[in-house]
Amino acid sequence: MKHNQYLGTVKLDGVELPALLCSDADRPDVLSLQVYNPATGYSALFTLREIEKKIDKSIYAVVEAFGPDKEKPSQTVSIIGDINPKGELKVEITEGTDGGVLGKSTDGKSSFAFKAPSSEETFEPVYICEDWLDFLKWIKENKNNIGSFRGHGNSKFHLKTTLARAGRTVMPRYCNETLPMFQEHVEAFKNQRINRNDAAEYSYLLALAQHHGLPTPMLDWSRSPYVAAFFAFSDYLENKDNRKDVTHVRVFALTRAFYDAHQPPIVSLNAYGPYAFALSATARDNPRLYAQQGSFLVTNVCDVEKFLRELEQFNNAAYLYAVDIPVSEVIVALEDLRYMGINPATMFPGLDGISKMMKQEMASRDLQTFNAAEGNLAAENGSKL
């Protein structure tokens, strides 16, 4: 496949169902077809192993069908009518003219169609602030409608999990291979047992993975708009030399309507079908999560913004906002946030945070000196005219 993930539908027994077709960058020949029936709650996972490529680029694959309970494959394969006695189904997969992917079984009883991922277009902001004070005003006017916030140092950056950025989209593999391995290391280091069958323990493990750099299917959010703005401006200040064309930082906001509709009591990463859920986790052994008033968005979708837009249209509700602030406000904003007690030392408790704080103060002074010199030069040139 040209892409790691396709969103689309699968037609089974005459019923079209939402589905995902995924592959991992390191295993491009193993495709995961995930199907979900919202009417019955029935779900299924099919792993398609590529076995032969033809000149016309068609792919003939054998489907190895199994569900969450691998000991009972018949529980899953029953939704497809032409599985042979060995539990195999021959499927022809072709790339469509629009870059999408089509598939059908040899006897025509089952088929699926996936559109190619659209190019990631810029998510339009709901408001463009004139300055930092304008942002504070927007927050005051909208605070009762927002549940959490996330800051980006470039308004062009997209919402995309670190797992998706790593080219990994097959969630069952992540849950069955990566997380258990990480769990072994955590238990050895912390000398404690973690029960992944317990929802709270599972989210605790995911939060540790997220905040210690392991790619995860989660995005960090904060209940504080000021914490989100801090991360946006801090990221810009740290990388401004490589971002000469950046004009605005961005603060994303998830509405309370999203939380009301997409915050189930238990989140399953292995849910088949595209999803985006709000997730809270204990801050135990995770002082950064506590300091940052953190929460998470967990999703198996690569293009998060487009998916949330589709959910908004389907449910006739507003879920995601974006607010842009000029990068010229970086010094004013960070100084204001420092007076609020929001700085690298408080956001990253420990020596790392102290070092980050001192580094940021040095960068701020350098930028102030540069801006003052530029102003003096402009005034001097003006006086000579």
Protein backbone atom coordinates (compact mmCIF):
# COMPACT_ATOMS: atom_id res chain seq x y z
CA MET A 1 0.00 0.00 0.00
CA LYS A 2 1.13 3.54 -0.66
CA HIS A 3 -0.09 4.67 2.77
CA ASN A 4 0.06 3.16 6.24
CA GLN A 5 -3.64 3.67 6.89
CA TYR A 6 -6.92 3.86 4.99
CA LEU A 7 -10.34 4.67 6.42
CA GLY A 8 -13.34 3.19 4.65
CA THR A 9 -16.10 0.62 4.69
CA VAL A 10 -16.41 -3.15 4.41
CA LYS A 11 -19.49 -4.76 2.89
CA LEU A 12 -20.35 -7.99 4.65
CA ASP A 13 -23.58 -9.87 3.96
CA GLY A 14 -24.92 -6.76 2.25
CA VAL A 15 -24.18 -4.45 5.20
CA GLU A 16 -21.61 -1.67 4.96
CA LEU A 17 -19.52 -1.32 8.12
CA PRO A 18 -16.87 1.29 9.13
CA ALA A 19 -13.39 -0.16 8.96
CA LEU A 20 -9.65 0.53 8.96
CA LEU A 21 -7.01 -0.96 6.70
CA CYS A 22 -3.59 -0.56 8.32
CA SER A 23 0.03 -1.62 7.99
CA ASP A 24 3.23 -0.85 9.87
CA ALA A 25 6.24 0.72 8.16
CA ASP A 26 8.46 -2.18 9.19
CA ARG A 27 5.90 -4.79 8.01
CA PRO A 28 4.36 -3.30 4.85
CA ASP A 29 3.29 -6.72 3.53
CA VAL A 30 1.08 -7.50 6.54
CA LEU A 31 -2.23 -5.67 6.37
CA SER A 32 -4.68 -5.38 9.25
CA LEU A 33 -8.34 -5.09 8.26
CA GLN A 34 -10.39 -3.98 11.29
CA VAL A 35 -14.18 -4.08 11.11
CA TYR A 36 -16.78 -2.76 13.54
CA ASN A 37 -20.58 -2.98 13.50
CA PRO A 38 -21.98 -0.17 15.72
CA ALA A 39 -25.49 -1.63 15.52
CA THR A 40 -24.55 -4.92 17.19
CA GLY A 41 -21.26 -4.04 18.84
CA TYR A 42 -19.68 -6.86 16.82
CA SER A 43 -16.04 -6.39 15.84
CA ALA A 44 -13.44 -8.38 13.98
CA LEU A 45 -9.81 -8.28 12.97
CA PHE A 46 -8.40 -9.86 9.82
CA THR A 47 -4.70 -10.02 9.05
CA LEU A 48 -4.03 -10.08 5.30
CA ARG A 49 -0.67 -11.49 4.36
CA GLU A 50 0.51 -10.64 0.89
CA ILE A 51 1.51 -13.79 -1.00
CA GLU A 52 1.72 -12.82 -4.66
CA LYS A 53 2.03 -9.64 -6.73
CA LYS A 54 0.94 -9.51 -10.36
CA ILE A 55 2.14 -7.22 -13.13
CA ASP A 56 -1.10 -5.22 -12.86
CA LYS A 57 -0.20 -4.47 -9.22
CA SER A 58 -3.10 -6.54 -7.93
CA ILE A 59 -2.39 -8.25 -4.65
CA TYR A 60 -3.70 -11.70 -3.84
CA ALA A 61 -3.80 -12.31 -0.14
CA VAL A 62 -4.74 -15.00 2.31
CA VAL A 63 -6.82 -13.78 5.21
CA GLU A 64 -5.99 -15.23 8.58
CA ALA A 65 -9.06 -14.42 10.62
CA PHE A 66 -9.10 -14.16 14.39
CA GLY A 67 -10.70 -12.02 17.05
CA PRO A 68 -9.75 -10.78 20.52
CA ASP A 69 -9.96 -14.39 21.69
CA LYS A 70 -7.43 -16.14 19.46
CA GLU A 71 -8.52 -19.54 20.79
CA LYS A 72 -11.93 -19.12 19.13
CA PRO A 73 -11.37 -18.02 15.53
CA SER A 74 -14.83 -19.22 14.45
CA GLN A 75 -16.31 -16.44 16.57
CA THR A 76 -14.88 -13.96 14.07
CA VAL A 77 -14.76 -15.73 10.73
CA SER A 78 -18.50 -16.37 10.78
CA ILE A 79 -19.20 -12.84 9.52
CA ILE A 80 -17.67 -13.73 6.14
CA GLY A 81 -19.56 -16.34 4.18
CA ASP A 82 -16.83 -17.72 1.94
CA ILE A 83 -14.15 -18.75 4.42
CA ASN A 84 -12.83 -22.14 3.42
CA PRO A 85 -12.51 -25.06 5.89
CA LYS A 86 -8.96 -23.95 6.74
CA GLY A 87 -10.17 -20.57 7.88
CA GLU A 88 -8.72 -18.83 4.84
CA LEU A 89 -10.26 -16.39 2.40
CA LYS A 90 -8.75 -15.40 -0.91
CA VAL A 91 -9.10 -11.67 -1.51
CA GLU A 92 -8.03 -9.58 -4.47
CA ILE A 93 -6.78 -6.11 -3.46
CA THR A 94 -6.26 -3.43 -6.09
CA GLU A 95 -5.23 0.19 -5.95
CA GLY A 96 -7.92 2.41 -7.42
CA THR A 97 -7.36 5.26 -9.84
CA ASP A 98 -7.90 7.76 -7.01
CA GLY A 99 -5.15 6.19 -4.93
CA GLY A 100 -7.61 4.31 -2.78
CA VAL A 101 -7.73 0.58 -2.15
CA LEU A 102 -10.43 -1.86 -3.27
CA GLY A 103 -10.88 -5.48 -2.31
CA LYS A 104 -13.22 -8.36 -3.06
CA SER A 105 -13.46 -12.04 -2.29
CA THR A 106 -13.15 -14.59 -5.09
CA ASP A 107 -16.87 -15.39 -5.07
CA GLY A 108 -17.98 -11.77 -4.67
CA LYS A 109 -19.75 -12.23 -1.33
CA SER A 110 -17.54 -9.73 0.49
CA SER A 111 -15.88 -6.49 -0.56
CA PHE A 112 -14.29 -3.37 0.85
CA ALA A 113 -13.38 0.10 -0.37
CA PHE A 114 -10.99 2.60 1.19
CA LYS A 115 -10.22 6.11 0.06
CA ALA A 116 -6.63 7.28 -0.10
CA PRO A 117 -5.76 9.62 2.78
CA SER A 118 -6.23 13.21 1.72
CA SER A 119 -3.28 15.55 1.88
CA GLU A 120 -3.15 17.11 5.32
CA GLU A 121 -4.67 20.52 4.82
CA THR A 122 -4.24 23.30 7.33
CA PHE A 123 -6.92 23.20 9.99
CA GLU A 124 -8.53 26.64 9.90
CA PRO A 125 -8.51 28.50 13.24
CA VAL A 126 -11.75 29.58 14.82
CA TYR A 127 -10.01 32.77 15.93
CA ILE A 128 -6.75 34.60 15.13
CA CYS A 129 -5.63 36.71 18.07
CA GLU A 130 -4.16 40.16 17.62
CA ASP A 131 -1.86 39.71 20.60
CA TRP A 132 -1.41 37.85 23.90
CA LEU A 133 -4.07 39.91 25.68
CA ASP A 134 -6.51 39.05 22.91
CA PHE A 135 -5.87 35.36 23.60
CA LEU A 136 -6.56 35.86 27.33
CA LYS A 137 -9.81 37.57 26.37
CA TRP A 138 -10.81 34.67 24.10
CA ILE A 139 -10.15 32.18 26.88
CA LYS A 140 -12.28 34.16 29.32
CA GLU A 141 -15.17 34.29 26.85
CA ASN A 142 -15.03 30.58 25.95
CA LYS A 143 -13.78 28.85 29.11
CA ASN A 144 -17.16 27.28 29.93
CA ASN A 145 -17.25 25.49 26.59
CA ILE A 146 -13.75 23.96 26.60
CA GLY A 147 -12.55 20.77 28.28
CA SER A 148 -8.82 20.71 27.47
CA PHE A 149 -6.09 22.44 25.46
CA ARG A 150 -2.93 21.60 23.52
CA GLY A 151 -0.19 23.95 22.28
CA HIS A 152 1.82 23.80 19.03
CA GLY A 153 4.85 25.98 18.28
CA ASN A 154 3.76 26.28 14.65
CA SER A 155 0.17 26.88 13.54
CA LYS A 156 0.80 24.57 10.55
CA PHE A 157 1.58 21.53 12.71
CA HIS A 158 -1.04 18.78 12.68
CA LEU A 159 -2.52 16.64 15.43
CA LYS A 160 -0.75 13.31 15.00
CA THR A 161 0.28 10.78 17.62
CA THR A 162 3.91 9.77 18.03
CA LEU A 163 2.91 6.21 17.13
CA ALA A 164 1.48 7.35 13.79
CA ARG A 165 4.58 9.50 13.17
CA ALA A 166 6.67 6.37 13.72
CA GLY A 167 4.77 4.64 10.89
CA ARG A 168 2.92 2.27 13.25
CA THR A 169 -0.85 2.00 12.76
CA VAL A 170 -1.70 -1.63 13.61
CA MET A 171 -3.03 -1.21 17.13
CA PRO A 172 -3.40 -4.92 18.00
CA ARG A 173 0.29 -5.43 17.34
CA TYR A 174 1.15 -2.45 19.54
CA CYS A 175 -1.01 -3.83 22.36
CA ASN A 176 0.22 -7.40 22.04
CA GLU A 177 3.93 -6.74 21.46
CA THR A 178 5.11 -3.24 22.36
CA LEU A 179 3.19 -2.54 25.57
CA PRO A 180 3.92 -5.93 27.21
CA MET A 181 7.63 -5.40 26.53
CA PHE A 182 7.50 -1.90 28.01
CA GLN A 183 5.58 -3.29 30.99
CA GLU A 184 8.38 -5.78 31.73
CA HIS A 185 10.93 -2.96 31.89
CA VAL A 186 8.68 -0.74 34.03
CA GLU A 187 8.02 -3.54 36.52
CA ALA A 188 11.73 -4.32 36.79
CA PHE A 189 12.68 -0.66 37.24
CA LYS A 190 9.90 0.23 39.69
CA ASN A 191 9.75 -3.17 41.42
CA GLN A 192 5.97 -3.36 41.12
CA ARG A 193 3.42 -5.40 39.22
CA ILE A 194 1.08 -3.82 36.67
CA ASN A 195 -2.19 -5.49 35.78
CA ARG A 196 -3.11 -4.60 32.21
CA ASN A 197 -6.53 -6.19 32.73
CA ASP A 198 -7.31 -3.32 35.09
CA ALA A 199 -8.34 -0.15 33.23
CA ALA A 200 -6.66 2.21 35.73
CA GLU A 201 -3.39 0.24 35.62
CA TYR A 202 -3.49 0.14 31.82
CA SER A 203 -3.89 3.90 31.57
CA TYR A 204 -1.12 4.34 34.17
CA LEU A 205 1.22 2.30 31.94
CA LEU A 206 0.24 4.31 28.85
CA ALA A 207 0.82 7.61 30.64
CA LEU A 208 4.31 6.50 31.70
CA ALA A 209 5.08 5.48 28.12
CA GLN A 210 3.85 8.81 26.77
CA HIS A 211 5.82 10.97 29.18
CA HIS A 212 9.02 8.98 28.85
CA GLY A 213 9.27 9.09 25.06
CA LEU A 214 7.85 5.75 23.88
CA PRO A 215 5.64 6.23 20.78
CA THR A 216 2.00 5.90 21.81
CA PRO A 217 -1.44 6.34 20.23
CA MET A 218 -2.04 9.33 22.50
CA LEU A 219 -1.81 13.12 22.36
CA ASP A 220 -1.05 15.21 25.45
CA TRP A 221 -3.66 17.77 26.49
CA SER A 222 -3.97 20.02 29.52
CA ARG A 223 -6.95 21.28 31.46
CA SER A 224 -5.19 24.66 31.55
CA PRO A 225 -5.12 26.93 28.46
CA TYR A 226 -2.10 28.68 29.97
CA VAL A 227 -0.11 25.45 30.17
CA ALA A 228 -0.97 24.80 26.51
CA ALA A 229 0.13 28.31 25.55
CA PHE A 230 3.35 27.80 27.51
CA PHE A 231 4.22 24.71 25.47
CA ALA A 232 3.34 26.47 22.22
CA PHE A 233 5.56 29.51 22.86
CA SER A 234 8.34 27.47 24.48
CA ASP A 235 8.53 25.20 21.45
CA TYR A 236 8.63 28.19 19.11
CA LEU A 237 11.36 29.95 21.13
CA GLU A 238 13.50 26.83 21.22
CA ASN A 239 13.19 26.22 17.47
CA LYS A 240 12.72 29.73 16.07
CA ASP A 241 16.02 29.69 14.15
CA ASN A 242 14.70 26.80 12.07
CA ARG A 243 11.24 28.32 11.64
CA LYS A 244 11.83 31.63 9.93
CA ASP A 245 8.49 31.43 8.10
CA VAL A 246 6.37 30.74 11.20
CA THR A 247 4.02 33.64 12.00
CA HIS A 248 1.72 32.12 14.65
CA VAL A 249 1.69 29.49 17.35
CA ARG A 250 -1.51 27.51 17.89
CA VAL A 251 -3.60 26.39 20.83
CA PHE A 252 -6.04 23.58 20.07
CA ALA A 253 -9.13 23.13 22.25
CA LEU A 254 -11.37 20.10 22.74
CA THR A 255 -14.89 21.11 23.66
CA ARG A 256 -16.98 19.80 26.51
CA ALA A 257 -19.32 18.39 23.85
CA PHE A 258 -16.49 16.10 22.75
CA TYR A 259 -15.93 14.93 26.31
CA ASP A 260 -19.62 14.30 26.82
CA ALA A 261 -19.78 12.09 23.72
CA HIS A 262 -16.33 10.48 23.63
CA GLN A 263 -15.21 9.79 27.19
CA PRO A 264 -16.27 6.20 27.93
CA PRO A 265 -15.61 4.78 31.41
CA ILE A 266 -13.22 2.23 29.90
CA VAL A 267 -11.12 2.88 26.78
CA SER A 268 -10.01 -0.09 24.68
CA LEU A 269 -7.06 0.48 22.38
CA ASN A 270 -8.06 -2.64 20.48
CA ALA A 271 -11.47 -1.25 19.53
CA TYR A 272 -11.97 -2.17 15.86
CA GLY A 273 -13.01 0.72 13.72
CA PRO A 274 -11.76 4.33 13.81
CA TYR A 275 -12.01 6.04 17.18
CA ALA A 276 -10.90 9.07 19.22
CA PHE A 277 -11.50 8.95 22.98
CA ALA A 278 -10.70 11.19 25.91
CA LEU A 279 -8.59 9.38 28.50
CA SER A 280 -7.61 10.34 32.03
CA ALA A 281 -4.81 8.58 33.89
CA THR A 282 -3.49 8.61 37.41
CA ALA A 283 -0.48 10.85 37.98
CA ARG A 284 1.10 8.28 40.29
CA ASP A 285 4.88 8.17 39.69
CA ASN A 286 4.33 10.83 37.03
CA PRO A 287 4.96 14.32 38.47
CA ARG A 288 4.98 15.88 35.01
CA LEU A 289 1.43 14.73 34.34
CA TYR A 290 0.33 16.23 37.65
CA ALA A 291 2.19 19.53 37.12
CA GLN A 292 0.87 19.94 33.59
CA GLN A 293 -2.74 19.18 34.60
CA GLY A 294 -2.55 16.56 31.92
CA SER A 295 -5.08 14.40 30.14
CA PHE A 296 -4.96 12.48 26.87
CA LEU A 297 -6.68 11.93 23.56
CA VAL A 298 -6.22 8.32 22.45
CA THR A 299 -6.87 7.43 18.82
CA ASN A 300 -6.08 4.81 16.18
CA VAL A 301 -6.50 7.37 13.37
CA CYS A 302 -3.55 9.12 11.70
CA ASP A 303 -5.39 12.19 10.42
CA VAL A 304 -6.96 13.24 13.72
CA GLU A 305 -8.22 16.65 12.58
CA LYS A 306 -10.08 15.26 9.57
CA PHE A 307 -11.59 12.47 11.64
CA LEU A 308 -12.85 14.87 14.32
CA ARG A 309 -14.33 17.05 11.60
CA GLU A 310 -16.23 14.03 10.27
CA LEU A 311 -17.47 13.22 13.77
CA GLU A 312 -18.64 16.82 14.13
CA GLN A 313 -20.65 16.61 10.92
CA PHE A 314 -22.13 13.23 11.83
CA ASN A 315 -23.17 14.34 15.31
CA ASN A 316 -23.93 17.98 14.43
CA ALA A 317 -21.65 19.21 17.19
CA ALA A 318 -18.43 21.21 17.62
CA TYR A 319 -15.53 19.17 19.01
CA LEU A 320 -12.28 20.89 18.02
CA TYR A 321 -11.21 24.54 17.93
CA ALA A 322 -7.91 26.15 17.00
CA VAL A 323 -6.76 29.60 18.12
CA ASP A 324 -3.63 31.25 16.65
CA ILE A 325 -1.40 33.79 18.43
CA PRO A 326 1.36 35.85 16.74
CA VAL A 327 4.89 34.63 17.48
CA SER A 328 5.86 38.25 18.11
CA GLU A 329 4.11 37.83 21.50
CA VAL A 330 6.55 35.14 22.68
CA ILE A 331 8.41 37.29 25.24
CA VAL A 332 5.27 38.96 26.62
CA ALA A 333 3.46 35.62 26.88
CA LEU A 334 6.29 33.70 28.57
CA GLU A 335 6.89 36.52 31.05
CA ASP A 336 3.19 36.63 31.90
CA LEU A 337 3.09 32.86 32.29
CA ARG A 338 6.17 32.99 34.51
CA TYR A 339 4.25 35.30 36.88
CA MET A 340 1.49 32.67 36.91
CA GLY A 341 4.01 30.09 38.09
CA ILE A 342 4.15 28.36 34.71
CA ASN A 343 7.74 27.82 33.58
CA PRO A 344 9.96 24.87 32.61
CA ALA A 345 10.94 24.19 36.23
CA THR A 346 7.31 23.81 37.33
CA MET A 347 6.22 21.91 34.21
CA PHE A 348 9.16 19.48 34.38
CA PRO A 349 9.87 18.94 38.11
CA GLY A 350 13.53 18.11 38.69
CA LEU A 351 16.94 19.13 37.42
CA ASP A 352 15.87 18.75 33.79
CA GLY A 353 13.19 21.38 34.32
CA ILE A 354 15.57 23.75 36.07
CA SER A 355 18.00 23.44 33.17
CA LYS A 356 15.17 24.03 30.70
CA MET A 357 14.12 27.13 32.66
CA MET A 358 17.62 28.62 32.61
CA LYS A 359 18.02 27.80 28.92
CA GLN A 360 14.69 29.48 28.14
CA GLU A 361 15.64 32.59 30.12
CA MET A 362 18.91 32.82 28.17
CA ALA A 363 17.04 32.49 24.86
CA SER A 364 14.50 35.12 25.95
CA ARG A 365 17.25 37.61 26.82
CA ASP A 366 18.98 36.95 23.50
CA LEU A 367 15.73 37.57 21.63
CA GLN A 368 15.04 40.76 23.60
CA THR A 369 18.56 42.02 22.85
CA PHE A 370 18.14 41.18 19.16
CA ASN A 371 14.75 42.93 18.96
CA ALA A 372 16.14 46.01 20.70
CA ALA A 373 19.10 46.15 18.30
CA GLU A 374 16.76 45.79 15.32
CA GLY A 375 14.61 48.61 16.69
CA ASN A 376 17.58 50.90 17.19
CA LEU A 377 18.84 50.17 13.68
CA ALA A 378 15.43 50.92 12.17
CA ALA A 379 15.20 54.19 14.13
CA GLU A 380 18.72 55.17 13.05
CA ASN A 381 18.00 54.46 9.39
CA GLY A 382 14.76 56.39 9.66
CA SER A 383 16.51 59.46 11.05
CA LYS A 384 18.89 59.50 8.11
CA LEU A 385 16.10 59.71 5.55
